[in-house]
Structure formats: structure tokens, C-alpha cells
C-alpha atoms as a PDB file:
ATOM      1  CA  MET A   1      84.219   8.160 131.503  1.00  0.00           C
ATOM      2  CA  SER A   2      81.372   5.729 132.219  1.00  0.00           C
ATOM      3  CA  GLU A   3      78.743   4.757 129.700  1.00  0.00           C
ATOM      4  CA  PRO A   4      75.161   5.929 130.249  1.00  0.00           C
ATOM      5  CA  ALA A   5      72.909   3.466 132.040  1.00  0.00           C
ATOM      6  CA  GLN A   6      71.018   1.135 129.760  1.00  0.00           C
ATOM      7  CA  THR A   7      67.284   1.777 129.645  1.00  0.00           C
ATOM      8  CA  MET A   8      64.532  -0.804 129.334  1.00  0.00           C
ATOM      9  CA  PHE A   9      64.097   0.470 125.785  1.00  0.00           C
ATOM     10  CA  ASP A  10      67.777  -0.291 125.088  1.00  0.00           C
ATOM     11  CA  GLU A  11      67.444  -3.735 126.633  1.00  0.00           C
ATOM     12  CA  LEU A  12      64.435  -4.582 124.495  1.00  0.00           C
ATOM     13  CA  GLY A  13      65.547  -2.825 121.321  1.00  0.00           C
ATOM     14  CA  ALA A  14      63.541  -0.726 118.878  1.00  0.00           C
ATOM     15  CA  ASP A  15      62.999  -3.568 116.388  1.00  0.00           C
ATOM     16  CA  GLN A  16      61.712  -5.964 119.053  1.00  0.00           C
ATOM     17  CA  LEU A  17      59.466  -3.246 120.476  1.00  0.00           C
ATOM     18  CA  ARG A  18      57.972  -2.632 117.019  1.00  0.00           C
ATOM     19  CA  ARG A  19      57.309  -6.378 116.574  1.00  0.00           C
ATOM     20  CA  ILE A  20      55.630  -6.540 119.969  1.00  0.00           C
ATOM     21  CA  ILE A  21      53.483  -3.478 119.247  1.00  0.00           C
ATOM     22  CA  ASP A  22      52.470  -4.845 115.835  1.00  0.00           C
ATOM     23  CA  VAL A  23      51.250  -8.114 117.355  1.00  0.00           C
ATOM     24  CA  PHE A  24      49.638  -6.384 120.320  1.00  0.00           C
ATOM     25  CA  VAL A  25      47.684  -3.862 118.254  1.00  0.00           C
ATOM     26  CA  ASP A  26      46.560  -6.543 115.802  1.00  0.00           C
ATOM     27  CA  ARG A  27      45.262  -8.589 118.734  1.00  0.00           C
ATOM     28  CA  VAL A  28      43.441  -5.614 120.217  1.00  0.00           C
ATOM     29  CA  PHE A  29      41.812  -4.708 116.877  1.00  0.00           C
ATOM     30  CA  ASP A  30      40.790  -8.335 116.297  1.00  0.00           C
ATOM     31  CA  ASP A  31      39.596  -9.035 119.842  1.00  0.00           C
ATOM     32  CA  LEU A  32      35.912  -9.933 120.175  1.00  0.00           C
ATOM     33  CA  MET A  33      35.530  -8.068 123.452  1.00  0.00           C
ATOM     34  CA  ILE A  34      37.209  -4.745 122.654  1.00  0.00           C
ATOM     35  CA  GLY A  35      37.969  -4.711 118.932  1.00  0.00           C
ATOM     36  CA  TYR A  36      34.741  -2.858 118.167  1.00  0.00           C
ATOM     37  CA  LEU A  37      36.149   0.196 119.972  1.00  0.00           C
ATOM     38  CA  PHE A  38      38.735   0.467 117.188  1.00  0.00           C
ATOM     39  CA  ARG A  39      36.453  -0.014 114.175  1.00  0.00           C
ATOM     40  CA  ASP A  40      36.930   3.580 112.984  1.00  0.00           C
ATOM     41  CA  ALA A  41      40.610   3.854 113.939  1.00  0.00           C
ATOM     42  CA  SER A  42      43.615   3.574 111.670  1.00  0.00           C
ATOM     43  CA  ARG A  43      45.526   0.452 112.643  1.00  0.00           C
ATOM     44  CA  ALA A  44      48.774   1.954 111.315  1.00  0.00           C
ATOM     45  CA  ARG A  45      48.295   5.160 113.325  1.00  0.00           C
ATOM     46  CA  ILE A  46      47.449   3.260 116.520  1.00  0.00           C
ATOM     47  CA  LYS A  47      50.564   1.116 116.040  1.00  0.00           C
ATOM     48  CA  GLU A  48      52.704   4.220 115.700  1.00  0.00           C
ATOM     49  CA  MET A  49      51.172   5.961 118.723  1.00  0.00           C
ATOM     50  CA  GLU A  50      51.497   2.778 120.815  1.00  0.00           C
ATOM     51  CA  TYR A  51      55.131   2.420 119.760  1.00  0.00           C
ATOM     52  CA  GLN A  52      55.942   6.032 120.631  1.00  0.00           C
ATOM     53  CA  HIS A  53      54.163   5.813 123.964  1.00  0.00           C
ATOM     54  CA  ALA A  54      55.774   2.488 124.913  1.00  0.00           C
ATOM     55  CA  ALA A  55      59.222   3.670 123.845  1.00  0.00           C
ATOM     56  CA  ARG A  56      58.897   6.732 126.080  1.00  0.00           C
ATOM     57  CA  LEU A  57      57.703   4.777 129.112  1.00  0.00           C
ATOM     58  CA  LEU A  58      60.639   2.387 128.648  1.00  0.00           C
ATOM     59  CA  GLY A  59      63.120   5.275 128.594  1.00  0.00           C
ATOM     60  CA  GLY A  60      63.665   5.467 124.853  1.00  0.00           C
ATOM     61  CA  PRO A  61      64.665   8.572 122.903  1.00  0.00           C
ATOM     62  CA  VAL A  62      61.361   8.634 121.029  1.00  0.00           C
ATOM     63  CA  ARG A  63      58.952  11.553 121.106  1.00  0.00           C
ATOM     64  CA  TYR A  64      55.264  10.809 121.659  1.00  0.00           C
ATOM     65  CA  GLU A  65      53.371  12.843 119.066  1.00  0.00           C
ATOM     66  CA  GLY A  66      49.822  11.850 119.989  1.00  0.00           C
ATOM     67  CA  ARG A  67      47.234  13.871 121.816  1.00  0.00           C
ATOM     68  CA  PRO A  68      47.189  13.743 125.614  1.00  0.00           C
ATOM     69  CA  LEU A  69      45.651  10.411 126.648  1.00  0.00           C
ATOM     70  CA  ARG A  70      42.655  11.889 128.459  1.00  0.00           C
ATOM     71  CA  GLU A  71      41.775  13.975 125.411  1.00  0.00           C
ATOM     72  CA  ALA A  72      42.360  11.122 122.947  1.00  0.00           C
ATOM     73  CA  HIS A  73      40.056   8.753 124.850  1.00  0.00           C
ATOM     74  CA  ALA A  74      37.386  11.174 126.104  1.00  0.00           C
ATOM     75  CA  ALA A  75      34.895  10.536 123.298  1.00  0.00           C
ATOM     76  CA  HIS A  76      35.041   6.761 123.673  1.00  0.00           C
ATOM     77  CA  PRO A  77      32.954   4.672 126.102  1.00  0.00           C
ATOM     78  CA  ILE A  78      35.945   2.915 127.659  1.00  0.00           C
ATOM     79  CA  PHE A  79      35.159   1.209 130.948  1.00  0.00           C
ATOM     80  CA  ALA A  80      37.329  -0.729 133.365  1.00  0.00           C
ATOM     81  CA  GLY A  81      36.485  -4.067 131.757  1.00  0.00           C
ATOM     82  CA  HIS A  82      37.737  -2.784 128.397  1.00  0.00           C
ATOM     83  CA  PHE A  83      40.858  -1.413 130.036  1.00  0.00           C
ATOM     84  CA  ASN A  84      41.473  -4.692 131.858  1.00  0.00           C
ATOM     85  CA  ARG A  85      41.047  -6.703 128.662  1.00  0.00           C
ATOM     86  CA  ARG A  86      43.559  -4.510 126.808  1.00  0.00           C
ATOM     87  CA  ARG A  87      46.009  -4.776 129.719  1.00  0.00           C
ATOM     88  CA  GLU A  88      45.732  -8.580 129.694  1.00  0.00           C
ATOM     89  CA  ILE A  89      46.286  -8.740 125.922  1.00  0.00           C
ATOM     90  CA  LEU A  90      49.378  -6.591 126.460  1.00  0.00           C
ATOM     91  CA  ARG A  91      50.657  -8.783 129.298  1.00  0.00           C
ATOM     92  CA  LEU A  92      50.198 -11.990 127.310  1.00  0.00           C
ATOM     93  CA  THR A  93      51.871 -10.480 124.255  1.00  0.00           C
ATOM     94  CA  LEU A  94      54.867  -9.355 126.306  1.00  0.00           C
ATOM     95  CA  VAL A  95      55.245 -12.771 127.939  1.00  0.00           C
ATOM     96  CA  GLU A  96      54.903 -14.596 124.601  1.00  0.00           C
ATOM     97  CA  HIS A  97      57.674 -12.414 123.162  1.00  0.00           C
ATOM     98  CA  GLY A  98      60.039 -13.287 125.989  1.00  0.00           C
ATOM     99  CA  VAL A  99      60.148  -9.798 127.454  1.00  0.00           C
ATOM    100  CA  PRO A 100      62.123  -9.852 130.707  1.00  0.00           C
ATOM    101  CA  PRO A 101      59.835  -9.961 133.767  1.00  0.00           C
ATOM    102  CA  ALA A 102      61.127  -6.639 135.129  1.00  0.00           C
ATOM    103  CA  ILE A 103      60.122  -4.897 131.900  1.00  0.00           C
ATOM    104  CA  VAL A 104      56.727  -6.627 131.862  1.00  0.00           C
ATOM    105  CA  GLU A 105      56.081  -5.523 135.452  1.00  0.00           C
ATOM    106  CA  HIS A 106      57.167  -1.948 134.719  1.00  0.00           C
ATOM    107  CA  TRP A 107      55.106  -1.710 131.524  1.00  0.00           C
ATOM    108  CA  ILE A 108      51.979  -3.130 133.151  1.00  0.00           C
ATOM    109  CA  ALA A 109      52.394  -0.870 136.210  1.00  0.00           C
ATOM    110  CA  GLN A 110      52.781   2.171 133.953  1.00  0.00           C
ATOM    111  CA  THR A 111      49.702   1.107 132.004  1.00  0.00           C
ATOM    112  CA  GLU A 112      47.726   0.731 135.230  1.00  0.00           C
ATOM    113  CA  ALA A 113      48.831   4.192 136.354  1.00  0.00           C
ATOM    114  CA  LEU A 114      47.075   5.638 133.289  1.00  0.00           C
ATOM    115  CA  ARG A 115      43.684   4.062 134.083  1.00  0.00           C
ATOM    116  CA  ALA A 116      42.034   7.285 135.300  1.00  0.00           C
ATOM    117  CA  GLN A 117      43.024   9.120 132.106  1.00  0.00           C
ATOM    118  CA  ILE A 118      41.420   6.489 129.889  1.00  0.00           C
ATOM    119  CA  THR A 119      38.421   4.897 131.597  1.00  0.00           C
ATOM    120  CA  ARG A 120      35.092   6.236 132.745  1.00  0.00           C
ATOM    121  CA  ASP A 121      35.115   4.186 135.945  1.00  0.00           C
ATOM    122  CA  SER A 122      37.853   3.709 138.472  1.00  0.00           C
ATOM    123  CA  ASP A 123      38.722   0.088 139.060  1.00  0.00           C
ATOM    124  CA  GLY A 124      36.311  -2.276 137.353  1.00  0.00           C
ATOM    125  CA  ARG A 125      34.904  -3.790 140.512  1.00  0.00           C
ATOM    126  CA  CYS A 126      31.176  -4.295 140.675  1.00  0.00           C
ATOM    127  CA  GLU A 127      29.788  -2.696 143.766  1.00  0.00           C
ATOM    128  CA  PRO A 128      27.074  -4.859 145.361  1.00  0.00           C
ATOM    129  CA  GLU A 129      24.706  -1.883 145.613  1.00  0.00           C
ATOM    130  CA  ALA A 130      25.031  -1.260 141.889  1.00  0.00           C
ATOM    131  CA  VAL A 131      24.154  -4.807 140.848  1.00  0.00           C
ATOM    132  CA  GLU A 132      20.430  -5.375 140.377  1.00  0.00           C
ATOM    133  CA  PRO A 133      19.211  -8.315 142.452  1.00  0.00           C
ATOM    134  CA  ALA A 134      18.181 -11.333 140.424  1.00  0.00           C
ATOM    135  CA  LYS A 135      14.450 -11.549 139.809  1.00  0.00           C
ATOM    136  CA  ARG A 136      12.772 -14.532 141.414  1.00  0.00           C
END
């Protein structure tokens, strides 16, 4: 009988994932550009929800107990720039923790796939028509 295939969660390990999430969430809360969005949030709760969500997307046997992402983020003014900043903090945290490149790529791609459920704009690009011309 063959053993079940190892998941990305198995490769990383629950303890390492928790350490990564702890650092990541602390960085997000303390970030000058997006930290204000979390001023009324429980850091401990966000860490737990992030852990559960990450564990699931990496194939772990962990149940996500948070609200659906669209519902959880609907009341917050999250735009593409905020989303991009969070994604970059995540990427840097993963790289600094020596996460294998295949897992980093998967995690970032999965994060990007959730953009429409979290942000109020689609891709963060400034459309030329939407930018007010500089006054002379």
C-alpha cells in the first residue's frame, strides 16, 4: 500500500506555518501603509484565521472557521494598493523564512485569485482617464 502524497502543508509543517503567520500578521498590523486597516481587529484572531486559511490552501487538514472572505472584507475600504502591499509583505515573509519557491508561488497565486473577493477595484492599475491632469 502506498503512502498518501505529501501536501505543501506537510512539507512546510504546522509549527513552521504558525511561525510564518505570526511574523506576517505582526508585519501587516505594524505596516505604515496598511496597518491602520487593522486598528480595530484582534491580532490573535487574525493570526488564527490566517493560519486556518493558509493551512487549507496548502492542503492541510485544518478547517477554516472564518466568515466567507467577501463577507468578512465587505465593510472595509480595501483597494488594490492595500491588497498589493499585503501580498508583498506575505511574499517577503515567505522568502525570509526559506519557504520553498514552489510553495511561495502557489501561495501567492492563490492569494491573487482571491483579489475580487477582497478589494473594491480589480487590478490596481491607474487608468489614464481616471488620473486628473496636473494643473499648470
